[in-house]
N, C-alpha and C. Protein backbone atom coordinates (compact mmCIF):
# COMPACT_ATOMS: atom_id res chain seq x y z
N UNK A 1 -65.55 -213.44 69.56
CA UNK A 1 -66.45 -214.39 71.02
C UNK A 1 -65.88 -213.90 72.20
N UNK A 2 -66.66 -212.58 73.21
CA UNK A 2 -66.24 -212.50 74.67
C UNK A 2 -65.67 -213.86 75.50
N UNK A 3 -64.67 -213.64 75.92
CA UNK A 3 -64.71 -214.57 77.19
C UNK A 3 -64.79 -214.20 78.22
N UNK A 4 -65.40 -214.80 79.71
CA UNK A 4 -64.90 -214.01 80.69
C UNK A 4 -64.45 -215.12 82.13
N UNK A 5 -63.30 -215.34 82.68
CA UNK A 5 -63.32 -216.42 83.09
C UNK A 5 -63.49 -216.62 84.57
N UNK A 6 -64.20 -217.33 85.58
CA UNK A 6 -64.78 -217.36 85.99
C UNK A 6 -63.91 -216.75 87.41
N UNK A 7 -63.67 -216.33 88.62
CA UNK A 7 -63.12 -215.81 89.28
C UNK A 7 -64.36 -216.45 91.10
N UNK A 8 -63.27 -216.83 91.42
CA UNK A 8 -63.90 -217.81 92.96
C UNK A 8 -63.40 -216.62 94.06
N UNK A 9 -63.59 -216.65 95.17
CA UNK A 9 -63.02 -216.61 95.77
C UNK A 9 -63.23 -216.68 97.93
N UNK A 10 -62.90 -216.64 98.27
CA UNK A 10 -62.42 -217.71 99.61
C UNK A 10 -62.07 -216.26 101.03
N UNK A 11 -62.44 -216.24 101.93
CA UNK A 11 -62.08 -215.54 103.42
C UNK A 11 -61.38 -217.11 103.76
N UNK A 12 -60.18 -216.80 104.57
CA UNK A 12 -60.16 -217.21 105.37
C UNK A 12 -59.58 -216.78 106.54
N UNK A 13 -60.03 -217.26 107.39
CA UNK A 13 -60.10 -216.59 109.32
C UNK A 13 -58.94 -217.31 109.70
N UNK A 14 -57.90 -216.16 110.02
CA UNK A 14 -56.78 -216.52 110.74
C UNK A 14 -56.92 -215.41 112.20
N UNK A 15 -58.28 -214.61 112.46
CA UNK A 15 -58.26 -214.71 114.13
C UNK A 15 -59.13 -213.63 114.83
N UNK A 16 -59.07 -212.47 114.67
CA UNK A 16 -59.96 -211.87 115.16
C UNK A 16 -59.07 -210.36 115.72
N UNK A 17 -59.82 -209.14 115.27
CA UNK A 17 -59.70 -208.42 116.12
C UNK A 17 -60.36 -207.76 117.39
N UNK A 18 -59.61 -206.79 117.74
CA UNK A 18 -60.19 -206.35 118.87
C UNK A 18 -61.53 -206.38 119.47
N UNK A 19 -62.20 -205.80 117.99
CA UNK A 19 -64.23 -205.62 118.59
C UNK A 19 -64.72 -206.75 118.41
N UNK A 20 -63.79 -208.14 117.40
CA UNK A 20 -64.20 -209.55 117.95
C UNK A 20 -64.28 -209.57 116.19
N UNK A 21 -64.53 -209.57 115.23
CA UNK A 21 -64.65 -208.88 114.23
C UNK A 21 -63.74 -210.19 113.86
N UNK A 22 -64.00 -211.32 112.27
CA UNK A 22 -62.94 -211.95 112.11
C UNK A 22 -62.13 -210.76 111.10
N UNK A 23 -60.84 -211.89 111.39
CA UNK A 23 -59.48 -211.20 110.57
C UNK A 23 -59.26 -211.98 109.61
N UNK A 24 -59.24 -211.69 108.11
CA UNK A 24 -59.72 -211.83 107.17
C UNK A 24 -58.18 -212.70 106.37
N UNK A 25 -58.32 -213.65 105.56
CA UNK A 25 -57.18 -213.97 104.28
C UNK A 25 -58.24 -213.39 102.93
N UNK A 26 -58.02 -212.46 101.85
CA UNK A 26 -58.96 -212.87 100.88
C UNK A 26 -58.04 -214.00 100.34
N UNK A 27 -58.65 -214.48 99.26
CA UNK A 27 -58.41 -215.35 98.18
C UNK A 27 -59.15 -215.76 97.15
N UNK A 28 -58.67 -215.25 96.27
CA UNK A 28 -58.87 -215.60 95.07
C UNK A 28 -58.55 -216.28 94.12
N UNK A 29 -59.35 -217.19 93.46
CA UNK A 29 -59.08 -217.93 92.55
C UNK A 29 -59.39 -218.16 90.77
N UNK A 30 -58.42 -217.91 90.57
CA UNK A 30 -59.27 -218.01 88.61
C UNK A 30 -58.48 -219.62 87.75
N UNK A 31 -59.20 -219.81 87.64
CA UNK A 31 -59.04 -221.48 86.89
C UNK A 31 -58.71 -221.74 85.82
N UNK A 32 -58.11 -222.42 85.23
CA UNK A 32 -57.05 -222.97 83.18
C UNK A 32 -58.27 -223.56 82.51
N UNK A 33 -57.52 -224.14 81.79
CA UNK A 33 -58.10 -225.14 81.24
C UNK A 33 -57.13 -226.06 81.71
N UNK A 34 -56.66 -225.67 82.63
CA UNK A 34 -55.73 -227.09 82.93
C UNK A 34 -54.31 -227.96 81.96
N UNK A 35 -54.16 -227.20 81.10
CA UNK A 35 -52.68 -227.11 80.11
C UNK A 35 -52.07 -226.26 80.18
N UNK A 36 -51.44 -225.18 81.08
CA UNK A 36 -50.42 -224.77 80.89
C UNK A 36 -50.33 -224.87 83.12
N UNK A 37 -49.31 -223.85 82.66
CA UNK A 37 -48.50 -224.23 84.76
C UNK A 37 -49.42 -222.92 85.76
N UNK A 38 -49.64 -223.75 87.33
CA UNK A 38 -50.12 -222.91 87.65
C UNK A 38 -49.29 -221.42 88.42
N UNK A 39 -49.73 -220.59 89.22
CA UNK A 39 -49.57 -219.35 89.73
C UNK A 39 -49.82 -218.40 90.40
N UNK A 40 -49.14 -218.58 91.93
CA UNK A 40 -49.51 -218.07 92.64
C UNK A 40 -48.57 -216.36 92.95
N UNK A 41 -49.16 -215.05 92.90
CA UNK A 41 -49.71 -214.35 93.36
C UNK A 41 -49.79 -213.79 95.02
N UNK A 42 -48.92 -213.21 95.72
CA UNK A 42 -49.50 -212.69 96.51
C UNK A 42 -48.91 -211.55 96.82
N UNK A 43 -49.35 -210.47 97.90
CA UNK A 43 -48.47 -209.08 98.52
C UNK A 43 -49.49 -209.38 99.76
N UNK A 44 -48.32 -207.35 99.97
CA UNK A 44 -48.69 -207.35 101.76
C UNK A 44 -48.05 -208.69 103.09
N UNK A 45 -47.36 -208.64 102.44
CA UNK A 45 -46.07 -209.61 102.99
C UNK A 45 -46.23 -208.99 104.48
N UNK A 46 -45.28 -207.86 104.09
CA UNK A 46 -45.06 -207.39 105.52
C UNK A 46 -46.65 -206.03 105.63
N UNK A 47 -46.35 -205.77 106.72
CA UNK A 47 -47.86 -204.70 106.69
C UNK A 47 -47.78 -203.19 106.30
N UNK A 48 -46.61 -202.71 105.88
CA UNK A 48 -46.18 -202.04 105.26
C UNK A 48 -46.61 -201.89 104.02
N UNK A 49 -46.36 -202.59 103.57
CA UNK A 49 -45.96 -203.10 101.89
C UNK A 49 -47.67 -203.50 101.27
N UNK A 50 -48.29 -202.06 101.00
CA UNK A 50 -49.70 -201.98 100.17
C UNK A 50 -49.86 -202.20 99.04
N UNK A 51 -48.49 -201.72 98.07
CA UNK A 51 -49.02 -201.29 97.19
C UNK A 51 -49.42 -202.26 96.15
N UNK A 52 -48.77 -203.61 96.08
CA UNK A 52 -48.75 -205.17 95.69
C UNK A 52 -50.41 -205.36 95.70
N UNK A 53 -51.32 -204.98 97.03
CA UNK A 53 -52.69 -205.27 96.60
C UNK A 53 -53.83 -204.93 95.21
N UNK A 54 -53.06 -203.07 95.08
CA UNK A 54 -53.36 -202.79 94.15
C UNK A 54 -52.98 -202.93 92.82
N UNK A 55 -51.86 -203.65 92.74
CA UNK A 55 -52.04 -204.47 91.34
C UNK A 55 -52.22 -206.18 91.67
N UNK A 56 -52.46 -206.21 92.32
CA UNK A 56 -53.24 -207.31 92.15
C UNK A 56 -54.82 -207.39 92.24
N UNK A 57 -55.97 -206.33 92.76
CA UNK A 57 -56.28 -205.70 91.82
C UNK A 57 -57.01 -205.43 90.55
N UNK A 58 -55.42 -204.69 89.85
CA UNK A 58 -56.25 -204.31 88.87
C UNK A 58 -56.00 -206.19 87.34
N UNK A 59 -54.54 -207.83 88.23
CA UNK A 59 -54.63 -208.46 87.79
C UNK A 59 -55.77 -208.70 87.05
N UNK A 60 -56.77 -209.14 88.60
CA UNK A 60 -58.19 -209.70 88.36
C UNK A 60 -58.78 -208.88 87.15
N UNK A 61 -58.49 -207.50 87.30
CA UNK A 61 -59.36 -206.73 86.07
C UNK A 61 -58.90 -207.40 84.63
N UNK A 62 -57.05 -207.57 84.64
CA UNK A 62 -57.19 -207.65 83.24
C UNK A 62 -57.23 -209.42 83.09
N UNK A 63 -57.45 -210.00 83.91
CA UNK A 63 -57.01 -212.04 83.44
C UNK A 63 -58.59 -212.49 83.32
N UNK A 64 -59.54 -211.46 83.85
CA UNK A 64 -60.72 -212.02 83.88
C UNK A 64 -61.68 -212.53 82.41
N UNK A 65 -60.88 -211.70 81.08
CA UNK A 65 -60.98 -211.40 80.00
C UNK A 65 -60.28 -212.05 79.05
N UNK A 66 -59.36 -213.34 79.99
CA UNK A 66 -58.70 -213.95 79.35
C UNK A 66 -58.36 -215.96 79.31
N UNK A 67 -58.44 -216.88 78.26
CA UNK A 67 -58.60 -217.97 77.78
C UNK A 67 -57.50 -218.14 78.53
N UNK A 68 -57.41 -218.69 80.24
CA UNK A 68 -56.18 -219.06 80.56
C UNK A 68 -55.87 -220.56 80.11
N UNK A 69 -55.30 -221.24 80.56
CA UNK A 69 -54.22 -222.49 80.43
C UNK A 69 -54.44 -222.69 81.97
N UNK A 70 -53.70 -221.90 82.84
CA UNK A 70 -52.97 -222.70 84.00
C UNK A 70 -53.72 -222.35 84.50
N UNK A 71 -53.92 -222.56 86.64
CA UNK A 71 -54.56 -222.00 87.20
C UNK A 71 -54.53 -221.04 88.04
N UNK A 72 -54.38 -219.24 88.30
CA UNK A 72 -53.94 -218.76 88.92
C UNK A 72 -55.04 -218.62 90.58
N UNK A 73 -53.58 -218.62 91.43
CA UNK A 73 -54.58 -217.46 92.73
C UNK A 73 -53.62 -216.73 93.31
N UNK A 74 -54.51 -215.83 93.14
CA UNK A 74 -54.09 -214.47 94.04
C UNK A 74 -54.39 -214.38 95.78
N UNK A 75 -53.58 -213.43 96.02
CA UNK A 75 -53.50 -212.88 97.55
C UNK A 75 -53.18 -211.98 97.71
N UNK A 76 -54.10 -210.64 97.61
CA UNK A 76 -53.75 -209.55 97.53
C UNK A 76 -53.93 -208.91 98.94
N UNK A 77 -53.96 -209.72 100.46
CA UNK A 77 -53.75 -209.29 101.86
C UNK A 77 -52.83 -210.63 102.72
N UNK A 78 -51.73 -210.81 102.54
CA UNK A 78 -51.03 -211.76 103.07
C UNK A 78 -51.18 -211.31 104.73
N UNK A 79 -51.33 -210.21 104.97
CA UNK A 79 -50.75 -210.23 106.22
C UNK A 79 -51.58 -209.07 106.80
N UNK A 80 -52.75 -209.59 107.32
CA UNK A 80 -53.06 -208.94 108.03
C UNK A 80 -52.85 -208.56 109.36
N UNK A 81 -52.92 -209.48 110.00
CA UNK A 81 -51.94 -209.16 111.10
C UNK A 81 -51.19 -208.01 111.39
N UNK A 82 -49.89 -208.04 110.29
CA UNK A 82 -49.29 -206.87 110.22
C UNK A 82 -49.38 -205.31 109.36
N UNK A 83 -50.84 -205.83 109.17
CA UNK A 83 -51.28 -204.08 107.93
C UNK A 83 -52.43 -203.78 109.55
N UNK A 84 -52.45 -204.43 109.88
CA UNK A 84 -53.53 -204.01 110.75
C UNK A 84 -52.62 -203.82 112.28
N UNK A 85 -52.02 -204.16 112.70
CA UNK A 85 -51.16 -202.95 113.73
C UNK A 85 -50.52 -202.36 113.25
N UNK A 86 -50.62 -201.69 111.91
CA UNK A 86 -49.75 -199.97 111.60
C UNK A 86 -48.59 -200.06 111.87
N UNK A 87 -47.41 -200.30 111.91
CA UNK A 87 -46.63 -200.48 112.03
C UNK A 87 -45.47 -199.92 110.90
N UNK A 88 -44.62 -199.29 110.32
CA UNK A 88 -43.82 -199.72 109.64
C UNK A 88 -43.98 -197.88 108.91
N UNK A 89 -44.26 -197.83 107.69
CA UNK A 89 -44.15 -196.76 107.11
C UNK A 89 -45.52 -196.12 107.29
N UNK A 90 -46.60 -196.66 107.94
CA UNK A 90 -47.50 -196.42 107.95
C UNK A 90 -47.96 -195.05 108.51
N UNK A 91 -47.30 -195.17 109.86
CA UNK A 91 -47.33 -193.92 110.97
C UNK A 91 -46.47 -192.82 111.06
N UNK A 92 -45.31 -192.95 109.55
CA UNK A 92 -43.94 -191.87 109.47
C UNK A 92 -45.05 -190.22 110.13
N UNK A 93 -43.20 -189.82 110.64
CA UNK A 93 -44.62 -188.52 111.20
C UNK A 93 -44.83 -188.16 112.24
N UNK A 94 -45.87 -187.54 112.24
CA UNK A 94 -47.24 -187.66 113.37
C UNK A 94 -47.49 -188.04 114.20
N UNK A 95 -47.39 -189.31 113.81
CA UNK A 95 -48.66 -190.54 115.12
C UNK A 95 -46.82 -191.75 114.72
N UNK A 96 -46.20 -191.11 115.19
CA UNK A 96 -45.03 -192.79 114.64
C UNK A 96 -44.01 -192.06 115.67
N UNK A 97 -43.96 -193.48 116.69
CA UNK A 97 -43.85 -192.83 117.97
C UNK A 97 -41.92 -192.83 118.33
N UNK A 98 -41.72 -192.95 117.46
CA UNK A 98 -40.31 -192.55 117.21
C UNK A 98 -39.55 -191.65 117.40
N UNK A 99 -39.64 -190.46 116.09
CA UNK A 99 -40.50 -189.41 115.59
C UNK A 99 -40.00 -188.62 116.40
């Protein structure tokens, strides 16, 4: 019997960008049966560290097919302000004001 874990998603508004659109942090929650520990995983804490975003989305795909014991909270985009500023390794080379 195939089981799919329900995934809830919410967007936490933390500000707005220059054009007035909301700047949000997406939060995904997977509910377990309550018999195991809870886990929190976040990515993109620093603006230029985007590799973890892809890892979290892959985790979502894997976890939704499992029977979970505890709750899992995934935050793939923990710092939208830092990412929106495009500082760090985003601009290395032609668009980097320092090089």
